[in-house]
Amino acid sequence: MFKPLATAYSKKLSAFLRRSQGLSPIKKGDFFPLFWKTWVSSFKEATMLNSFKATVISPLEPDAILKRFSNTNPDERESRESSTSVLSGYDWRKIKRLVQVAVKDKDYNKARKLSQTLHSISVQNKLLKHENQGLREALIHKKKHLKRGKPLDLQQRQEYHGGAVVWSPRKVREARARQTVKEREEKELQLQKSERAELKKASQLYKLKVAQEKRVARAEAKVVREKEKAEQAANRAQKQKAQKAAKLLQQRQKIAQKGKKGTLKHPRAATKKKKQVVNVVGSREASGTASAAPLKTTRHGRNIKLPDKYK
């Protein structure tokens, strides 16, 4: 029983290394699962009974060894093989025998080529499935290595002075319960942190939105103010233009009034000139008749004419 155990363990270990394809290293924690699987698969009740039965010790059956060497009938073998409708890719021997039975001419090149093609496809399919299964197991094994276990909070007494300690199942259950409570509290703390972060982010977005609305309101107010200023400037310019036009009209009216007054004064001036001319002529005639009085002159040689009232 122990030799099969050793053989099975070595097979399990080599299969594990082959399936992992060097992607995941083997560690101490990997040996016991392999050994336990081998132990469970080797030490079974049916396996132990078969081992005793194979040696014809219990139950005593001498014909058991002779049945191994008895040849089976080919027709019976073919009938057993034909019981399954579809052959899997792993049964390439059965596929070959089926081709030999179906094709009567065994020396025919096409039949031989068909048999070799089916054999190649079966082998490739088996290799690909084996590789795929190995990669899957290697990936799962690698994930297990990445997932590190947490030590249990096994509370020790104060009189503990080192050495080996055997913990009771109750202590282990209590430690696991404490670990569960601790993990739950950590999850709640992380959830609270995430909620606070979301609230902070939401408040920041709200502040940004309010600031954006304020900027838009300020821009709109600025546009309104500029429009009002432009309207006021236009109104002032229009008022100034109207005032200038009114002043110009008043000036024109004043000029027109002055012109009318000038035309009214011109006849009087003509009559005065006529009177002066007449007076001058009369005076000259009088001077001609009377004795001519001497004329007074200024230092510059200008004649001085006395008014009529002083004459």
C-alpha atoms as a PDB file:
ATOM      1  CA  MET A   1       0.000   0.000   0.000  1.00  0.00           C
ATOM      2  CA  PHE A   2       2.870   2.411   0.709  1.00  0.00           C
ATOM      3  CA  LYS A   3       4.617   1.836  -2.573  1.00  0.00           C
ATOM      4  CA  PRO A   4       1.508   2.875  -4.500  1.00  0.00           C
ATOM      5  CA  LEU A   5       1.299   5.854  -2.165  1.00  0.00           C
ATOM      6  CA  ALA A   6       4.875   6.892  -2.977  1.00  0.00           C
ATOM      7  CA  THR A   7       4.315   6.307  -6.671  1.00  0.00           C
ATOM      8  CA  ALA A   8       1.101   8.305  -6.657  1.00  0.00           C
ATOM      9  CA  TYR A   9       2.744  11.128  -4.704  1.00  0.00           C
ATOM     10  CA  SER A  10       5.647  11.368  -7.132  1.00  0.00           C
ATOM     11  CA  LYS A  11       3.176  11.346 -10.026  1.00  0.00           C
ATOM     12  CA  LYS A  12       1.117  14.082  -8.405  1.00  0.00           C
ATOM     13  CA  LEU A  13       4.213  16.207  -7.800  1.00  0.00           C
ATOM     14  CA  SER A  14       5.548  15.771 -11.330  1.00  0.00           C
ATOM     15  CA  ALA A  15       2.100  16.454 -12.787  1.00  0.00           C
ATOM     16  CA  PHE A  16       1.844  19.631 -10.696  1.00  0.00           C
ATOM     17  CA  LEU A  17       5.224  20.867 -11.920  1.00  0.00           C
ATOM     18  CA  ARG A  18       4.362  19.970 -15.497  1.00  0.00           C
ATOM     19  CA  ARG A  19       0.972  21.680 -15.409  1.00  0.00           C
ATOM     20  CA  SER A  20       2.341  24.858 -13.856  1.00  0.00           C
ATOM     21  CA  GLN A  21       4.936  25.072 -16.679  1.00  0.00           C
ATOM     22  CA  GLY A  22       7.284  27.003 -14.419  1.00  0.00           C
ATOM     23  CA  LEU A  23       4.886  29.938 -14.084  1.00  0.00           C
ATOM     24  CA  SER A  24       4.290  29.509 -10.346  1.00  0.00           C
ATOM     25  CA  PRO A  25       6.973  28.308  -7.910  1.00  0.00           C
ATOM     26  CA  ILE A  26       6.279  25.482  -5.476  1.00  0.00           C
ATOM     27  CA  LYS A  27       6.218  26.377  -1.795  1.00  0.00           C
ATOM     28  CA  LYS A  28       5.943  24.638   1.537  1.00  0.00           C
ATOM     29  CA  GLY A  29       2.201  24.998   1.609  1.00  0.00           C
ATOM     30  CA  ASP A  30       1.875  23.057  -1.643  1.00  0.00           C
ATOM     31  CA  PHE A  31       3.299  19.751  -0.344  1.00  0.00           C
ATOM     32  CA  PHE A  32       0.596  18.834   2.129  1.00  0.00           C
ATOM     33  CA  PRO A  33      -2.329  19.289  -0.329  1.00  0.00           C
ATOM     34  CA  LEU A  34      -0.510  17.031  -2.790  1.00  0.00           C
ATOM     35  CA  PHE A  35       0.201  14.448  -0.100  1.00  0.00           C
ATOM     36  CA  TRP A  36      -3.354  14.550   1.203  1.00  0.00           C
ATOM     37  CA  LYS A  37      -4.836  14.083  -2.269  1.00  0.00           C
ATOM     38  CA  THR A  38      -2.501  11.143  -2.827  1.00  0.00           C
ATOM     39  CA  TRP A  39      -3.366   9.643   0.563  1.00  0.00           C
ATOM     40  CA  VAL A  40      -7.111   9.940  -0.050  1.00  0.00           C
ATOM     41  CA  SER A  41      -6.835   8.482  -3.553  1.00  0.00           C
ATOM     42  CA  SER A  42      -4.561   5.623  -2.442  1.00  0.00           C
ATOM     43  CA  PHE A  43      -5.997   4.485   0.878  1.00  0.00           C
ATOM     44  CA  LYS A  44      -9.539   3.637  -0.088  1.00  0.00           C
ATOM     45  CA  GLU A  45     -11.599   0.713   0.999  1.00  0.00           C
ATOM     46  CA  ALA A  46     -12.080  -0.465  -2.561  1.00  0.00           C
ATOM     47  CA  THR A  47      -8.354  -0.140  -3.302  1.00  0.00           C
ATOM     48  CA  MET A  48      -7.367  -2.139  -0.227  1.00  0.00           C
ATOM     49  CA  LEU A  49      -9.916  -4.852  -0.998  1.00  0.00           C
ATOM     50  CA  ASN A  50      -8.715  -5.004  -4.603  1.00  0.00           C
ATOM     51  CA  SER A  51      -5.125  -5.358  -3.432  1.00  0.00           C
ATOM     52  CA  PHE A  52      -6.035  -8.378  -1.328  1.00  0.00           C
ATOM     53  CA  LYS A  53      -8.216  -9.689  -4.136  1.00  0.00           C
ATOM     54  CA  ALA A  54      -5.402  -9.336  -6.688  1.00  0.00           C
ATOM     55  CA  THR A  55      -3.151 -11.599  -4.648  1.00  0.00           C
ATOM     56  CA  VAL A  56      -5.981 -14.177  -4.416  1.00  0.00           C
ATOM     57  CA  ILE A  57      -5.732 -14.088  -0.640  1.00  0.00           C
ATOM     58  CA  SER A  58      -9.149 -12.719   0.261  1.00  0.00           C
ATOM     59  CA  PRO A  59     -11.426 -13.953  -1.121  1.00  0.00           C
ATOM     60  CA  LEU A  60      -9.719 -17.055  -2.287  1.00  0.00           C
ATOM     61  CA  GLU A  61     -10.177 -17.225  -6.089  1.00  0.00           C
ATOM     62  CA  PRO A  62      -7.442 -18.961  -8.102  1.00  0.00           C
ATOM     63  CA  ASP A  63      -9.040 -18.193 -11.493  1.00  0.00           C
ATOM     64  CA  ALA A  64      -8.653 -14.445 -11.045  1.00  0.00           C
ATOM     65  CA  ILE A  65      -5.079 -14.420 -12.366  1.00  0.00           C
ATOM     66  CA  LEU A  66      -5.905 -16.751 -15.265  1.00  0.00           C
ATOM     67  CA  LYS A  67      -8.714 -14.459 -16.480  1.00  0.00           C
ATOM     68  CA  ARG A  68      -6.166 -11.773 -17.210  1.00  0.00           C
ATOM     69  CA  PHE A  69      -4.553 -13.846 -19.908  1.00  0.00           C
ATOM     70  CA  SER A  70      -7.763 -14.959 -21.575  1.00  0.00           C
ATOM     71  CA  ASN A  71      -8.217 -13.430 -25.041  1.00  0.00           C
ATOM     72  CA  THR A  72     -11.495 -11.756 -25.766  1.00  0.00           C
ATOM     73  CA  ASN A  73     -13.396 -12.267 -28.985  1.00  0.00           C
ATOM     74  CA  PRO A  74     -12.837  -9.444 -31.551  1.00  0.00           C
ATOM     75  CA  ASP A  75     -16.545  -9.361 -32.350  1.00  0.00           C
ATOM     76  CA  GLU A  76     -17.391  -8.867 -28.703  1.00  0.00           C
ATOM     77  CA  ARG A  77     -14.785  -6.108 -28.459  1.00  0.00           C
ATOM     78  CA  GLU A  78     -16.230  -4.406 -31.522  1.00  0.00           C
ATOM     79  CA  SER A  79     -19.742  -4.688 -30.142  1.00  0.00           C
ATOM     80  CA  ARG A  80     -18.586  -3.090 -26.881  1.00  0.00           C
ATOM     81  CA  GLU A  81     -16.848  -0.345 -28.791  1.00  0.00           C
ATOM     82  CA  SER A  82     -19.885   0.256 -30.967  1.00  0.00           C
ATOM     83  CA  SER A  83     -22.021   0.763 -27.874  1.00  0.00           C
ATOM     84  CA  THR A  84     -20.825   4.356 -27.727  1.00  0.00           C
ATOM     85  CA  SER A  85     -22.025   6.478 -30.622  1.00  0.00           C
ATOM     86  CA  VAL A  86     -19.219   9.070 -30.511  1.00  0.00           C
ATOM     87  CA  LEU A  87     -15.552   8.457 -29.686  1.00  0.00           C
ATOM     88  CA  SER A  88     -13.565  11.065 -27.800  1.00  0.00           C
ATOM     89  CA  GLY A  89     -10.247  12.428 -28.995  1.00  0.00           C
ATOM     90  CA  TYR A  90      -8.384  10.491 -26.307  1.00  0.00           C
ATOM     91  CA  ASP A  91      -9.459   7.116 -27.771  1.00  0.00           C
ATOM     92  CA  TRP A  92      -7.213   7.310 -30.812  1.00  0.00           C
ATOM     93  CA  ARG A  93      -6.619   3.546 -30.682  1.00  0.00           C
ATOM     94  CA  LYS A  94     -10.341   2.908 -30.969  1.00  0.00           C
ATOM     95  CA  ILE A  95     -10.514   5.416 -33.810  1.00  0.00           C
ATOM     96  CA  LYS A  96      -7.729   3.558 -35.616  1.00  0.00           C
ATOM     97  CA  ARG A  97      -9.470   0.208 -35.166  1.00  0.00           C
ATOM     98  CA  LEU A  98     -12.732   1.744 -36.364  1.00  0.00           C
ATOM     99  CA  VAL A  99     -11.003   3.032 -39.504  1.00  0.00           C
ATOM    100  CA  GLN A 100      -9.476  -0.412 -40.103  1.00  0.00           C
ATOM    101  CA  VAL A 101     -12.871  -2.040 -39.794  1.00  0.00           C
ATOM    102  CA  ALA A 102     -14.624   0.557 -41.976  1.00  0.00           C
ATOM    103  CA  VAL A 103     -11.987   0.506 -44.737  1.00  0.00           C
ATOM    104  CA  LYS A 104     -11.520  -2.962 -46.165  1.00  0.00           C
ATOM    105  CA  ASP A 105      -8.496  -2.177 -48.309  1.00  0.00           C
ATOM    106  CA  LYS A 106      -5.821  -1.579 -45.651  1.00  0.00           C
ATOM    107  CA  ASP A 107      -3.060  -0.916 -48.190  1.00  0.00           C
ATOM    108  CA  TYR A 108      -4.952   1.903 -49.788  1.00  0.00           C
ATOM    109  CA  ASN A 109      -3.011   5.190 -49.480  1.00  0.00           C
ATOM    110  CA  LYS A 110      -6.066   7.312 -48.763  1.00  0.00           C
ATOM    111  CA  ALA A 111      -7.131   5.062 -45.919  1.00  0.00           C
ATOM    112  CA  ARG A 112      -3.653   5.197 -44.428  1.00  0.00           C
ATOM    113  CA  LYS A 113      -3.565   8.978 -44.794  1.00  0.00           C
ATOM    114  CA  LEU A 114      -6.982   9.239 -43.132  1.00  0.00           C
ATOM    115  CA  SER A 115      -5.807   7.095 -40.217  1.00  0.00           C
ATOM    116  CA  GLN A 116      -2.660   9.200 -39.725  1.00  0.00           C
ATOM    117  CA  THR A 117      -4.634  12.447 -39.957  1.00  0.00           C
ATOM    118  CA  LEU A 118      -7.113  11.296 -37.322  1.00  0.00           C
ATOM    119  CA  HIS A 119      -4.254  10.173 -35.099  1.00  0.00           C
ATOM    120  CA  SER A 120      -2.492  13.561 -35.460  1.00  0.00           C
ATOM    121  CA  ILE A 121      -5.679  15.513 -34.725  1.00  0.00           C
ATOM    122  CA  SER A 122      -6.406  13.360 -31.684  1.00  0.00           C
ATOM    123  CA  VAL A 123      -2.888  13.849 -30.293  1.00  0.00           C
ATOM    124  CA  GLN A 124      -2.956  17.606 -30.883  1.00  0.00           C
ATOM    125  CA  ASN A 125      -6.355  17.897 -29.244  1.00  0.00           C
ATOM    126  CA  LYS A 126      -5.142  15.947 -26.237  1.00  0.00           C
ATOM    127  CA  LEU A 127      -2.000  18.092 -25.927  1.00  0.00           C
ATOM    128  CA  LEU A 128      -3.957  21.328 -26.185  1.00  0.00           C
ATOM    129  CA  LYS A 129      -6.458  20.226 -23.561  1.00  0.00           C
ATOM    130  CA  HIS A 130      -3.663  19.123 -21.278  1.00  0.00           C
ATOM    131  CA  GLU A 131      -1.853  22.455 -21.715  1.00  0.00           C
ATOM    132  CA  ASN A 132      -5.037  24.435 -21.164  1.00  0.00           C
ATOM    133  CA  GLN A 133      -5.832  22.515 -17.998  1.00  0.00           C
ATOM    134  CA  GLY A 134      -2.291  23.035 -16.725  1.00  0.00           C
ATOM    135  CA  LEU A 135      -2.423  26.765 -17.348  1.00  0.00           C
ATOM    136  CA  ARG A 136      -5.753  27.037 -15.561  1.00  0.00           C
ATOM    137  CA  GLU A 137      -4.434  25.182 -12.531  1.00  0.00           C
ATOM    138  CA  ALA A 138      -1.247  27.274 -12.541  1.00  0.00           C
ATOM    139  CA  LEU A 139      -3.306  30.450 -12.585  1.00  0.00           C
ATOM    140  CA  ILE A 140      -5.485  29.244  -9.703  1.00  0.00           C
ATOM    141  CA  HIS A 141      -2.388  28.183  -7.775  1.00  0.00           C
ATOM    142  CA  LYS A 142      -0.768  31.569  -8.354  1.00  0.00           C
ATOM    143  CA  LYS A 143      -3.869  33.368  -7.111  1.00  0.00           C
ATOM    144  CA  LYS A 144      -3.780  31.263  -3.962  1.00  0.00           C
ATOM    145  CA  HIS A 145      -0.177  32.334  -3.367  1.00  0.00           C
ATOM    146  CA  LEU A 146      -1.087  35.976  -3.823  1.00  0.00           C
ATOM    147  CA  LYS A 147      -3.913  35.646  -1.299  1.00  0.00           C
ATOM    148  CA  ARG A 148      -2.058  35.666   1.989  1.00  0.00           C
ATOM    149  CA  GLY A 149      -3.744  34.362   5.079  1.00  0.00           C
ATOM    150  CA  LYS A 150      -4.121  36.487   8.185  1.00  0.00           C
ATOM    151  CA  PRO A 151      -2.927  35.171  11.542  1.00  0.00           C
ATOM    152  CA  LEU A 152      -5.641  34.591  14.096  1.00  0.00           C
ATOM    153  CA  ASP A 153      -5.782  36.787  17.164  1.00  0.00           C
ATOM    154  CA  LEU A 154      -5.114  33.999  19.662  1.00  0.00           C
ATOM    155  CA  GLN A 155      -4.921  35.803  22.976  1.00  0.00           C
ATOM    156  CA  GLN A 156      -2.279  34.306  25.243  1.00  0.00           C
ATOM    157  CA  ARG A 157      -2.258  34.396  28.984  1.00  0.00           C
ATOM    158  CA  GLN A 158       0.179  36.471  30.962  1.00  0.00           C
ATOM    159  CA  GLU A 159       1.943  33.422  32.418  1.00  0.00           C
ATOM    160  CA  TYR A 160       2.915  32.259  28.927  1.00  0.00           C
ATOM    161  CA  HIS A 161       6.704  31.855  28.774  1.00  0.00           C
ATOM    162  CA  GLY A 162       7.232  30.525  25.266  1.00  0.00           C
ATOM    163  CA  GLY A 163       7.296  27.037  23.865  1.00  0.00           C
ATOM    164  CA  ALA A 164       4.687  25.113  21.943  1.00  0.00           C
ATOM    165  CA  VAL A 165       1.036  25.898  22.592  1.00  0.00           C
ATOM    166  CA  VAL A 166      -1.959  23.757  21.735  1.00  0.00           C
ATOM    167  CA  TRP A 167      -5.082  25.796  21.265  1.00  0.00           C
ATOM    168  CA  SER A 168      -8.476  24.323  21.981  1.00  0.00           C
ATOM    169  CA  PRO A 169     -11.260  24.454  19.344  1.00  0.00           C
ATOM    170  CA  ARG A 170     -13.110  26.967  21.499  1.00  0.00           C
ATOM    171  CA  LYS A 171     -10.112  29.326  21.476  1.00  0.00           C
ATOM    172  CA  VAL A 172      -9.850  28.960  17.713  1.00  0.00           C
ATOM    173  CA  ARG A 173     -13.559  29.695  17.266  1.00  0.00           C
ATOM    174  CA  GLU A 174     -13.253  32.777  19.470  1.00  0.00           C
ATOM    175  CA  ALA A 175     -10.216  33.960  17.520  1.00  0.00           C
ATOM    176  CA  ARG A 176     -12.067  33.452  14.228  1.00  0.00           C
ATOM    177  CA  ALA A 177     -15.071  35.330  15.605  1.00  0.00           C
ATOM    178  CA  ARG A 178     -12.807  38.237  16.617  1.00  0.00           C
ATOM    179  CA  GLN A 179     -11.196  38.146  13.201  1.00  0.00           C
ATOM    180  CA  THR A 180     -14.632  38.255  11.553  1.00  0.00           C
ATOM    181  CA  VAL A 181     -15.691  41.216  13.695  1.00  0.00           C
ATOM    182  CA  LYS A 182     -12.435  42.995  12.912  1.00  0.00           C
ATOM    183  CA  GLU A 183     -12.824  42.442   9.184  1.00  0.00           C
ATOM    184  CA  ARG A 184     -16.441  43.669   9.374  1.00  0.00           C
ATOM    185  CA  GLU A 185     -15.334  46.817  11.182  1.00  0.00           C
ATOM    186  CA  GLU A 186     -12.602  47.395   8.609  1.00  0.00           C
ATOM    187  CA  LYS A 187     -15.146  47.012   5.800  1.00  0.00           C
ATOM    188  CA  GLU A 188     -17.503  49.459   7.523  1.00  0.00           C
ATOM    189  CA  LEU A 189     -14.630  51.901   7.991  1.00  0.00           C
ATOM    190  CA  GLN A 190     -13.703  51.615   4.324  1.00  0.00           C
ATOM    191  CA  LEU A 191     -17.355  52.098   3.398  1.00  0.00           C
ATOM    192  CA  GLN A 192     -17.551  55.227   5.552  1.00  0.00           C
ATOM    193  CA  LYS A 193     -14.352  56.553   4.005  1.00  0.00           C
ATOM    194  CA  SER A 194     -15.710  55.937   0.526  1.00  0.00           C
ATOM    195  CA  GLU A 195     -19.003  57.646   1.438  1.00  0.00           C
ATOM    196  CA  ARG A 196     -17.129  60.651   2.842  1.00  0.00           C
ATOM    197  CA  ALA A 197     -15.017  60.799  -0.280  1.00  0.00           C
ATOM    198  CA  GLU A 198     -18.157  60.709  -2.446  1.00  0.00           C
ATOM    199  CA  LEU A 199     -19.783  63.443  -0.345  1.00  0.00           C
ATOM    200  CA  LYS A 200     -16.631  65.543  -0.602  1.00  0.00           C
ATOM    201  CA  LYS A 201     -16.540  65.051  -4.327  1.00  0.00           C
ATOM    202  CA  ALA A 202     -20.219  65.941  -4.597  1.00  0.00           C
ATOM    203  CA  SER A 203     -19.677  69.103  -2.515  1.00  0.00           C
ATOM    204  CA  GLN A 204     -16.742  70.084  -4.713  1.00  0.00           C
ATOM    205  CA  LEU A 205     -18.873  69.586  -7.810  1.00  0.00           C
ATOM    206  CA  TYR A 206     -21.655  71.675  -6.222  1.00  0.00           C
ATOM    207  CA  LYS A 207     -19.193  74.462  -5.371  1.00  0.00           C
ATOM    208  CA  LEU A 208     -17.837  74.393  -8.902  1.00  0.00           C
ATOM    209  CA  LYS A 209     -21.376  74.549 -10.262  1.00  0.00           C
ATOM    210  CA  VAL A 210     -22.266  77.500  -7.998  1.00  0.00           C
ATOM    211  CA  ALA A 211     -19.048  79.292  -8.983  1.00  0.00           C
ATOM    212  CA  GLN A 212     -19.823  78.691 -12.643  1.00  0.00           C
ATOM    213  CA  GLU A 213     -23.346  80.045 -12.191  1.00  0.00           C
ATOM    214  CA  LYS A 214     -21.945  83.108 -10.413  1.00  0.00           C
ATOM    215  CA  ARG A 215     -19.458  83.679 -13.230  1.00  0.00           C
ATOM    216  CA  VAL A 216     -22.267  83.417 -15.771  1.00  0.00           C
ATOM    217  CA  ALA A 217     -24.422  85.823 -13.713  1.00  0.00           C
ATOM    218  CA  ARG A 218     -21.539  88.308 -13.447  1.00  0.00           C
ATOM    219  CA  ALA A 219     -20.926  88.085 -17.170  1.00  0.00           C
ATOM    220  CA  GLU A 220     -24.621  88.663 -17.899  1.00  0.00           C
ATOM    221  CA  ALA A 221     -24.723  91.582 -15.449  1.00  0.00           C
ATOM    222  CA  LYS A 222     -21.639  93.058 -17.104  1.00  0.00           C
ATOM    223  CA  VAL A 223     -23.281  92.781 -20.508  1.00  0.00           C
ATOM    224  CA  VAL A 224     -26.413  94.490 -19.137  1.00  0.00           C
ATOM    225  CA  ARG A 225     -24.327  97.276 -17.561  1.00  0.00           C
ATOM    226  CA  GLU A 226     -22.393  97.830 -20.749  1.00  0.00           C
ATOM    227  CA  LYS A 227     -25.638  97.952 -22.697  1.00  0.00           C
ATOM    228  CA  GLU A 228     -27.087 100.481 -20.235  1.00  0.00           C
ATOM    229  CA  LYS A 229     -23.904 102.564 -20.436  1.00  0.00           C
ATOM    230  CA  ALA A 230     -24.077 102.492 -24.213  1.00  0.00           C
ATOM    231  CA  GLU A 231     -27.733 103.576 -24.118  1.00  0.00           C
ATOM    232  CA  GLN A 232     -26.936 106.359 -21.642  1.00  0.00           C
ATOM    233  CA  ALA A 233     -24.008 107.517 -23.783  1.00  0.00           C
ATOM    234  CA  ALA A 234     -26.267 107.501 -26.831  1.00  0.00           C
ATOM    235  CA  ASN A 235     -28.917 109.487 -24.947  1.00  0.00           C
ATOM    236  CA  ARG A 236     -26.313 112.021 -23.771  1.00  0.00           C
ATOM    237  CA  ALA A 237     -24.955 112.367 -27.275  1.00  0.00           C
ATOM    238  CA  GLN A 238     -28.481 112.848 -28.634  1.00  0.00           C
ATOM    239  CA  LYS A 239     -29.236 115.462 -25.946  1.00  0.00           C
ATOM    240  CA  GLN A 240     -25.980 117.289 -26.670  1.00  0.00           C
ATOM    241  CA  LYS A 241     -26.768 117.199 -30.354  1.00  0.00           C
ATOM    242  CA  ALA A 242     -30.255 118.560 -29.691  1.00  0.00           C
ATOM    243  CA  GLN A 243     -28.824 121.289 -27.432  1.00  0.00           C
ATOM    244  CA  LYS A 244     -26.278 122.253 -30.075  1.00  0.00           C
ATOM    245  CA  ALA A 245     -29.008 122.358 -32.695  1.00  0.00           C
ATOM    246  CA  ALA A 246     -31.170 124.549 -30.403  1.00  0.00           C
ATOM    247  CA  LYS A 247     -28.252 126.902 -29.733  1.00  0.00           C
ATOM    248  CA  LEU A 248     -27.482 127.137 -33.422  1.00  0.00           C
ATOM    249  CA  LEU A 249     -31.133 127.871 -34.143  1.00  0.00           C
ATOM    250  CA  GLN A 250     -31.181 130.570 -31.476  1.00  0.00           C
ATOM    251  CA  GLN A 251     -28.010 132.098 -32.913  1.00  0.00           C
ATOM    252  CA  ARG A 252     -29.517 132.079 -36.375  1.00  0.00           C
ATOM    253  CA  GLN A 253     -32.698 133.657 -35.055  1.00  0.00           C
ATOM    254  CA  LYS A 254     -30.665 136.366 -33.284  1.00  0.00           C
ATOM    255  CA  ILE A 255     -28.665 137.027 -36.435  1.00  0.00           C
ATOM    256  CA  ALA A 256     -31.883 137.221 -38.415  1.00  0.00           C
ATOM    257  CA  GLN A 257     -33.388 139.644 -35.906  1.00  0.00           C
ATOM    258  CA  LYS A 258     -30.228 141.790 -36.016  1.00  0.00           C
ATOM    259  CA  GLY A 259     -30.411 141.843 -39.784  1.00  0.00           C
ATOM    260  CA  LYS A 260     -33.992 143.092 -39.710  1.00  0.00           C
ATOM    261  CA  LYS A 261     -33.044 145.843 -37.243  1.00  0.00           C
ATOM    262  CA  GLY A 262     -30.188 146.937 -39.538  1.00  0.00           C
ATOM    263  CA  THR A 263     -32.481 147.306 -42.511  1.00  0.00           C
ATOM    264  CA  LEU A 264     -34.861 149.415 -40.462  1.00  0.00           C
ATOM    265  CA  LYS A 265     -32.059 151.811 -39.330  1.00  0.00           C
ATOM    266  CA  HIS A 266     -30.611 152.428 -42.819  1.00  0.00           C
ATOM    267  CA  PRO A 267     -33.256 155.080 -43.992  1.00  0.00           C
ATOM    268  CA  ARG A 268     -32.706 157.204 -40.916  1.00  0.00           C
ATOM    269  CA  ALA A 269     -28.993 157.220 -41.535  1.00  0.00           C
ATOM    270  CA  ALA A 270     -29.637 158.351 -45.139  1.00  0.00           C
ATOM    271  CA  THR A 271     -31.846 161.184 -43.997  1.00  0.00           C
ATOM    272  CA  LYS A 272     -29.220 162.230 -41.475  1.00  0.00           C
ATOM    273  CA  LYS A 273     -26.555 162.204 -44.172  1.00  0.00           C
ATOM    274  CA  LYS A 274     -28.827 164.216 -46.419  1.00  0.00           C
ATOM    275  CA  LYS A 275     -29.429 166.702 -43.674  1.00  0.00           C
ATOM    276  CA  GLN A 276     -25.710 166.939 -43.041  1.00  0.00           C
ATOM    277  CA  VAL A 277     -25.055 167.410 -46.719  1.00  0.00           C
ATOM    278  CA  VAL A 278     -27.672 170.105 -46.875  1.00  0.00           C
ATOM    279  CA  ASN A 279     -26.284 171.735 -43.803  1.00  0.00           C
ATOM    280  CA  VAL A 280     -22.790 171.603 -45.242  1.00  0.00           C
ATOM    281  CA  VAL A 281     -23.936 173.055 -48.506  1.00  0.00           C
ATOM    282  CA  GLY A 282     -25.858 175.771 -46.734  1.00  0.00           C
ATOM    283  CA  SER A 283     -22.934 176.568 -44.547  1.00  0.00           C
ATOM    284  CA  ARG A 284     -20.672 176.701 -47.468  1.00  0.00           C
ATOM    285  CA  GLU A 285     -23.040 179.047 -49.230  1.00  0.00           C
ATOM    286  CA  ALA A 286     -23.253 181.130 -46.118  1.00  0.00           C
ATOM    287  CA  SER A 287     -19.509 181.197 -45.877  1.00  0.00           C
ATOM    288  CA  GLY A 288     -19.330 182.181 -49.439  1.00  0.00           C
ATOM    289  CA  THR A 289     -21.539 185.050 -48.869  1.00  0.00           C
ATOM    290  CA  ALA A 290     -20.142 186.049 -45.545  1.00  0.00           C
ATOM    291  CA  SER A 291     -16.575 186.542 -44.650  1.00  0.00           C
ATOM    292  CA  ALA A 292     -14.686 183.302 -44.581  1.00  0.00           C
ATOM    293  CA  ALA A 293     -13.678 182.422 -41.000  1.00  0.00           C
ATOM    294  CA  PRO A 294     -10.207 180.967 -40.546  1.00  0.00           C
ATOM    295  CA  LEU A 295     -10.151 177.143 -40.043  1.00  0.00           C
ATOM    296  CA  LYS A 296      -8.461 175.682 -36.979  1.00  0.00           C
ATOM    297  CA  THR A 297      -6.112 172.769 -37.452  1.00  0.00           C
ATOM    298  CA  THR A 298      -4.479 170.308 -35.147  1.00  0.00           C
ATOM    299  CA  ARG A 299      -0.786 169.710 -34.741  1.00  0.00           C
ATOM    300  CA  HIS A 300      -1.027 166.959 -37.286  1.00  0.00           C
ATOM    301  CA  GLY A 301      -2.671 169.163 -39.836  1.00  0.00           C
ATOM    302  CA  ARG A 302      -6.237 168.010 -39.503  1.00  0.00           C
ATOM    303  CA  ASN A 303      -9.093 170.522 -39.747  1.00  0.00           C
ATOM    304  CA  ILE A 304     -11.245 171.005 -36.666  1.00  0.00           C
ATOM    305  CA  LYS A 305     -14.941 171.369 -37.338  1.00  0.00           C
ATOM    306  CA  LEU A 306     -17.033 172.891 -34.602  1.00  0.00           C
ATOM    307  CA  PRO A 307     -20.494 171.593 -34.023  1.00  0.00           C
ATOM    308  CA  ASP A 308     -23.401 173.732 -35.142  1.00  0.00           C
ATOM    309  CA  LYS A 309     -24.478 174.555 -31.603  1.00  0.00           C
ATOM    310  CA  TYR A 310     -21.065 176.123 -30.860  1.00  0.00           C
ATOM    311  CA  LYS A 311     -21.079 178.240 -33.975  1.00  0.00           C
END
